[in-house]
Amino acid sequence: MKLTEEQYLESCNDNAGYCRLCDDITECSGIEPDAEAYTCPVCDASELMGVELALLMGWLDLGT
């Protein structure tokens, strides 16, 4: 998923999560930056992770 730096920083500040199955940033907050295998509130799969970890693992791309 491609994000602007502003979108990424906003997601970090909101403690949002990234779901690999939905390929989307969740609107729920309280996801730890290093979270892995949390249950996604949208698709109910255990593919939710912290946005910081998603960036480090290459699931997120900070583009212009």
PDB file of N, CA and C in Angstrom:
ATOM      1  N   MET A   1       0.851  -1.173   0.000  1.00  0.00           N
ATOM      2  CA  MET A   1       0.000   0.000   0.000  1.00  0.00           C
ATOM      3  C   MET A   1       0.893   1.230   0.000  1.00  0.00           C
ATOM      4  N   LYS A   2       0.527   2.192  -0.805  1.00  0.00           N
ATOM      5  CA  LYS A   2       1.288   3.428  -0.916  1.00  0.00           C
ATOM      6  C   LYS A   2       0.649   4.510  -0.047  1.00  0.00           C
ATOM      7  N   LEU A   3       1.459   5.159   0.767  1.00  0.00           N
ATOM      8  CA  LEU A   3       1.009   6.241   1.645  1.00  0.00           C
ATOM      9  C   LEU A   3       1.921   7.438   1.480  1.00  0.00           C
ATOM     10  N   THR A   4       1.383   8.618   1.714  1.00  0.00           N
ATOM     11  CA  THR A   4       2.239   9.790   1.812  1.00  0.00           C
ATOM     12  C   THR A   4       2.863   9.780   3.206  1.00  0.00           C
ATOM     13  N   GLU A   5       3.911  10.537   3.363  1.00  0.00           N
ATOM     14  CA  GLU A   5       4.551  10.628   4.676  1.00  0.00           C
ATOM     15  C   GLU A   5       3.568  11.179   5.714  1.00  0.00           C
ATOM     16  N   GLU A   6       2.746  12.125   5.291  1.00  0.00           N
ATOM     17  CA  GLU A   6       1.748  12.713   6.194  1.00  0.00           C
ATOM     18  C   GLU A   6       0.738  11.660   6.651  1.00  0.00           C
ATOM     19  N   GLN A   7       0.252  10.834   5.715  1.00  0.00           N
ATOM     20  CA  GLN A   7      -0.697   9.776   6.077  1.00  0.00           C
ATOM     21  C   GLN A   7      -0.059   8.771   7.034  1.00  0.00           C
ATOM     22  N   TYR A   8       1.197   8.430   6.768  1.00  0.00           N
ATOM     23  CA  TYR A   8       1.908   7.485   7.626  1.00  0.00           C
ATOM     24  C   TYR A   8       2.053   8.044   9.047  1.00  0.00           C
ATOM     25  N   LEU A   9       2.497   9.285   9.151  1.00  0.00           N
ATOM     26  CA  LEU A   9       2.691   9.894  10.469  1.00  0.00           C
ATOM     27  C   LEU A   9       1.373  10.020  11.227  1.00  0.00           C
ATOM     28  N   GLU A  10       0.300  10.345  10.520  1.00  0.00           N
ATOM     29  CA  GLU A  10      -1.021  10.423  11.146  1.00  0.00           C
ATOM     30  C   GLU A  10      -1.442   9.050  11.667  1.00  0.00           C
ATOM     31  N   SER A  11      -1.193   8.013  10.890  1.00  0.00           N
ATOM     32  CA  SER A  11      -1.519   6.650  11.318  1.00  0.00           C
ATOM     33  C   SER A  11      -0.702   6.249  12.540  1.00  0.00           C
ATOM     34  N   CYS A  12       0.566   6.635  12.556  1.00  0.00           N
ATOM     35  CA  CYS A  12       1.418   6.349  13.723  1.00  0.00           C
ATOM     36  C   CYS A  12       0.892   7.066  14.956  1.00  0.00           C
ATOM     37  N   ASN A  13       0.539   8.322  14.802  1.00  0.00           N
ATOM     38  CA  ASN A  13       0.022   9.106  15.931  1.00  0.00           C
ATOM     39  C   ASN A  13      -1.298   8.555  16.450  1.00  0.00           C
ATOM     40  N   ASP A  14      -2.093   7.971  15.559  1.00  0.00           N
ATOM     41  CA  ASP A  14      -3.384   7.397  15.951  1.00  0.00           C
ATOM     42  C   ASP A  14      -3.257   5.962  16.460  1.00  0.00           C
ATOM     43  N   ASN A  15      -2.032   5.412  16.416  1.00  0.00           N
ATOM     44  CA  ASN A  15      -1.817   3.999  16.769  1.00  0.00           C
ATOM     45  C   ASN A  15      -2.746   3.094  15.971  1.00  0.00           C
ATOM     46  N   ALA A  16      -2.838   3.370  14.681  1.00  0.00           N
ATOM     47  CA  ALA A  16      -3.667   2.565  13.787  1.00  0.00           C
ATOM     48  C   ALA A  16      -2.917   1.293  13.409  1.00  0.00           C
ATOM     49  N   GLY A  17      -3.612   0.398  12.742  1.00  0.00           N
ATOM     50  CA  GLY A  17      -3.000  -0.843  12.298  1.00  0.00           C
ATOM     51  C   GLY A  17      -3.149  -1.011  10.799  1.00  0.00           C
ATOM     52  N   TYR A  18      -2.348  -1.905  10.244  1.00  0.00           N
ATOM     53  CA  TYR A  18      -2.413  -2.224   8.823  1.00  0.00           C
ATOM     54  C   TYR A  18      -2.776  -3.694   8.695  1.00  0.00           C
ATOM     55  N   CYS A  19      -3.798  -3.983   7.898  1.00  0.00           N
ATOM     56  CA  CYS A  19      -4.210  -5.354   7.648  1.00  0.00           C
ATOM     57  C   CYS A  19      -3.673  -5.801   6.296  1.00  0.00           C
ATOM     58  N   ARG A  20      -2.902  -6.884   6.305  1.00  0.00           N
ATOM     59  CA  ARG A  20      -2.331  -7.399   5.060  1.00  0.00           C
ATOM     60  C   ARG A  20      -3.407  -7.975   4.152  1.00  0.00           C
ATOM     61  N   LEU A  21      -4.469  -8.517   4.724  1.00  0.00           N
ATOM     62  CA  LEU A  21      -5.522  -9.100   3.905  1.00  0.00           C
ATOM     63  C   LEU A  21      -6.388  -8.012   3.265  1.00  0.00           C
ATOM     64  N   CYS A  22      -6.814  -7.041   4.057  1.00  0.00           N
ATOM     65  CA  CYS A  22      -7.623  -5.926   3.539  1.00  0.00           C
ATOM     66  C   CYS A  22      -6.783  -4.937   2.728  1.00  0.00           C
ATOM     67  N   ASP A  23      -5.469  -4.931   2.984  1.00  0.00           N
ATOM     68  CA  ASP A  23      -4.546  -3.947   2.407  1.00  0.00           C
ATOM     69  C   ASP A  23      -5.031  -2.536   2.702  1.00  0.00           C
ATOM     70  N   ASP A  24      -5.325  -2.312   3.970  1.00  0.00           N
ATOM     71  CA  ASP A  24      -5.858  -1.018   4.378  1.00  0.00           C
ATOM     72  C   ASP A  24      -5.420  -0.688   5.789  1.00  0.00           C
ATOM     73  N   ILE A  25      -5.428   0.601   6.079  1.00  0.00           N
ATOM     74  CA  ILE A  25      -5.159   1.082   7.422  1.00  0.00           C
ATOM     75  C   ILE A  25      -6.483   1.064   8.185  1.00  0.00           C
ATOM     76  N   THR A  26      -6.486   0.433   9.344  1.00  0.00           N
ATOM     77  CA  THR A  26      -7.712   0.341  10.122  1.00  0.00           C
ATOM     78  C   THR A  26      -8.005   1.668  10.801  1.00  0.00           C
ATOM     79  N   GLU A  27      -9.251   1.888  11.099  1.00  0.00           N
ATOM     80  CA  GLU A  27      -9.642   3.106  11.784  1.00  0.00           C
ATOM     81  C   GLU A  27      -9.632   2.937  13.288  1.00  0.00           C
ATOM     82  N   CYS A  28      -9.382   1.717  13.760  1.00  0.00           N
ATOM     83  CA  CYS A  28      -9.309   1.510  15.207  1.00  0.00           C
ATOM     84  C   CYS A  28      -7.959   2.020  15.696  1.00  0.00           C
ATOM     85  N   SER A  29      -7.889   2.394  16.939  1.00  0.00           N
ATOM     86  CA  SER A  29      -6.630   2.864  17.505  1.00  0.00           C
ATOM     87  C   SER A  29      -6.211   1.918  18.620  1.00  0.00           C
ATOM     88  N   GLY A  30      -5.044   2.141  19.143  1.00  0.00           N
ATOM     89  CA  GLY A  30      -4.549   1.319  20.231  1.00  0.00           C
ATOM     90  C   GLY A  30      -3.735   0.131  19.770  1.00  0.00           C
ATOM     91  N   ILE A  31      -3.337   0.103  18.499  1.00  0.00           N
ATOM     92  CA  ILE A  31      -2.510  -0.981  17.980  1.00  0.00           C
ATOM     93  C   ILE A  31      -1.050  -0.628  18.260  1.00  0.00           C
ATOM     94  N   GLU A  32      -0.362  -1.507  18.942  1.00  0.00           N
ATOM     95  CA  GLU A  32       1.038  -1.255  19.267  1.00  0.00           C
ATOM     96  C   GLU A  32       1.870  -1.216  17.985  1.00  0.00           C
ATOM     97  N   PRO A  33       2.928  -0.402  17.959  1.00  0.00           N
ATOM     98  CA  PRO A  33       3.751  -0.283  16.742  1.00  0.00           C
ATOM     99  C   PRO A  33       4.327  -1.607  16.264  1.00  0.00           C
ATOM    100  N   ASP A  34       4.625  -2.521  17.198  1.00  0.00           N
ATOM    101  CA  ASP A  34       5.222  -3.807  16.820  1.00  0.00           C
ATOM    102  C   ASP A  34       4.218  -4.959  16.855  1.00  0.00           C
ATOM    103  N   ALA A  35       2.934  -4.621  16.824  1.00  0.00           N
ATOM    104  CA  ALA A  35       1.880  -5.643  16.874  1.00  0.00           C
ATOM    105  C   ALA A  35       1.932  -6.537  15.641  1.00  0.00           C
ATOM    106  N   GLU A  36       1.648  -7.813  15.858  1.00  0.00           N
ATOM    107  CA  GLU A  36       1.571  -8.784  14.765  1.00  0.00           C
ATOM    108  C   GLU A  36       0.410  -9.724  15.028  1.00  0.00           C
ATOM    109  N   ALA A  37      -0.256 -10.124  13.983  1.00  0.00           N
ATOM    110  CA  ALA A  37      -1.313 -11.145  14.043  1.00  0.00           C
ATOM    111  C   ALA A  37      -2.484 -10.760  14.946  1.00  0.00           C
ATOM    112  N   TYR A  38      -2.799  -9.472  15.008  1.00  0.00           N
ATOM    113  CA  TYR A  38      -4.004  -9.043  15.709  1.00  0.00           C
ATOM    114  C   TYR A  38      -5.194  -9.315  14.786  1.00  0.00           C
ATOM    115  N   THR A  39      -6.374  -9.405  15.354  1.00  0.00           N
ATOM    116  CA  THR A  39      -7.578  -9.632  14.565  1.00  0.00           C
ATOM    117  C   THR A  39      -8.061  -8.313  13.967  1.00  0.00           C
ATOM    118  N   CYS A  40      -8.240  -8.305  12.663  1.00  0.00           N
ATOM    119  CA  CYS A  40      -8.712  -7.119  11.956  1.00  0.00           C
ATOM    120  C   CYS A  40     -10.201  -6.919  12.237  1.00  0.00           C
ATOM    121  N   PRO A  41     -10.602  -5.697  12.602  1.00  0.00           N
ATOM    122  CA  PRO A  41     -12.014  -5.442  12.870  1.00  0.00           C
ATOM    123  C   PRO A  41     -12.880  -5.427  11.603  1.00  0.00           C
ATOM    124  N   VAL A  42     -12.273  -5.360  10.441  1.00  0.00           N
ATOM    125  CA  VAL A  42     -13.016  -5.314   9.184  1.00  0.00           C
ATOM    126  C   VAL A  42     -13.241  -6.712   8.607  1.00  0.00           C
ATOM    127  N   CYS A  43     -12.152  -7.481   8.465  1.00  0.00           N
ATOM    128  CA  CYS A  43     -12.265  -8.784   7.805  1.00  0.00           C
ATOM    129  C   CYS A  43     -12.169  -9.964   8.772  1.00  0.00           C
ATOM    130  N   ASP A  44     -11.882  -9.691  10.028  1.00  0.00           N
ATOM    131  CA  ASP A  44     -11.821 -10.702  11.087  1.00  0.00           C
ATOM    132  C   ASP A  44     -10.656 -11.684  10.922  1.00  0.00           C
ATOM    133  N   ALA A  45      -9.692 -11.367  10.056  1.00  0.00           N
ATOM    134  CA  ALA A  45      -8.509 -12.212   9.889  1.00  0.00           C
ATOM    135  C   ALA A  45      -7.420 -11.766  10.868  1.00  0.00           C
ATOM    136  N   SER A  46      -6.540 -12.651  11.199  1.00  0.00           N
ATOM    137  CA  SER A  46      -5.431 -12.342  12.118  1.00  0.00           C
ATOM    138  C   SER A  46      -4.236 -11.828  11.330  1.00  0.00           C
ATOM    139  N   GLU A  47      -4.458 -10.778  10.568  1.00  0.00           N
ATOM    140  CA  GLU A  47      -3.425 -10.215   9.692  1.00  0.00           C
ATOM    141  C   GLU A  47      -3.121  -8.754  10.010  1.00  0.00           C
ATOM    142  N   LEU A  48      -3.598  -8.246  11.142  1.00  0.00           N
ATOM    143  CA  LEU A  48      -3.409  -6.847  11.510  1.00  0.00           C
ATOM    144  C   LEU A  48      -2.073  -6.666  12.209  1.00  0.00           C
ATOM    145  N   MET A  49      -1.351  -5.619  11.814  1.00  0.00           N
ATOM    146  CA  MET A  49      -0.068  -5.315  12.441  1.00  0.00           C
ATOM    147  C   MET A  49       0.060  -3.808  12.622  1.00  0.00           C
ATOM    148  N   GLY A  50       0.996  -3.401  13.456  1.00  0.00           N
ATOM    149  CA  GLY A  50       1.259  -1.981  13.643  1.00  0.00           C
ATOM    150  C   GLY A  50       1.789  -1.364  12.361  1.00  0.00           C
ATOM    151  N   VAL A  51       1.454  -0.111  12.115  1.00  0.00           N
ATOM    152  CA  VAL A  51       1.890   0.521  10.862  1.00  0.00           C
ATOM    153  C   VAL A  51       3.407   0.655  10.788  1.00  0.00           C
ATOM    154  N   GLU A  52       4.064   0.859  11.930  1.00  0.00           N
ATOM    155  CA  GLU A  52       5.517   0.957  11.932  1.00  0.00           C
ATOM    156  C   GLU A  52       6.144  -0.361  11.494  1.00  0.00           C
ATOM    157  N   LEU A  53       5.629  -1.467  12.006  1.00  0.00           N
ATOM    158  CA  LEU A  53       6.132  -2.783  11.620  1.00  0.00           C
ATOM    159  C   LEU A  53       5.833  -3.060  10.146  1.00  0.00           C
ATOM    160  N   ALA A  54       4.648  -2.672   9.695  1.00  0.00           N
ATOM    161  CA  ALA A  54       4.284  -2.866   8.292  1.00  0.00           C
ATOM    162  C   ALA A  54       5.254  -2.135   7.368  1.00  0.00           C
ATOM    163  N   LEU A  55       5.672  -0.945   7.758  1.00  0.00           N
ATOM    164  CA  LEU A  55       6.643  -0.196   6.955  1.00  0.00           C
ATOM    165  C   LEU A  55       7.983  -0.923   6.930  1.00  0.00           C
ATOM    166  N   LEU A  56       8.443  -1.366   8.094  1.00  0.00           N
ATOM    167  CA  LEU A  56       9.725  -2.070   8.174  1.00  0.00           C
ATOM    168  C   LEU A  56       9.727  -3.367   7.378  1.00  0.00           C
ATOM    169  N   MET A  57       8.584  -4.031   7.325  1.00  0.00           N
ATOM    170  CA  MET A  57       8.492  -5.314   6.615  1.00  0.00           C
ATOM    171  C   MET A  57       8.204  -5.137   5.120  1.00  0.00           C
ATOM    172  N   GLY A  58       8.029  -3.900   4.672  1.00  0.00           N
ATOM    173  CA  GLY A  58       7.840  -3.628   3.251  1.00  0.00           C
ATOM    174  C   GLY A  58       6.392  -3.683   2.774  1.00  0.00           C
ATOM    175  N   TRP A  59       5.435  -3.777   3.681  1.00  0.00           N
ATOM    176  CA  TRP A  59       4.034  -3.796   3.279  1.00  0.00           C
ATOM    177  C   TRP A  59       3.515  -2.396   2.939  1.00  0.00           C
ATOM    178  N   LEU A  60       4.163  -1.371   3.476  1.00  0.00           N
ATOM    179  CA  LEU A  60       3.788   0.007   3.189  1.00  0.00           C
ATOM    180  C   LEU A  60       4.899   0.678   2.412  1.00  0.00           C
ATOM    181  N   ASP A  61       4.530   1.560   1.508  1.00  0.00           N
ATOM    182  CA  ASP A  61       5.470   2.287   0.678  1.00  0.00           C
ATOM    183  C   ASP A  61       5.185   3.774   0.850  1.00  0.00           C
ATOM    184  N   LEU A  62       6.188   4.500   1.320  1.00  0.00           N
ATOM    185  CA  LEU A  62       6.022   5.948   1.473  1.00  0.00           C
ATOM    186  C   LEU A  62       6.435   6.610   0.171  1.00  0.00           C
ATOM    187  N   GLY A  63       5.456   6.995  -0.606  1.00  0.00           N
ATOM    188  CA  GLY A  63       5.707   7.631  -1.891  1.00  0.00           C
ATOM    189  C   GLY A  63       5.382   9.115  -1.831  1.00  0.00           C
ATOM    190  N   THR A  64       5.517   9.739  -2.941  1.00  0.00           N
ATOM    191  CA  THR A  64       5.215  11.164  -2.991  1.00  0.00           C
ATOM    192  C   THR A  64       3.816  11.409  -3.471  1.00  0.00           C
TER     193      THR A  64
END
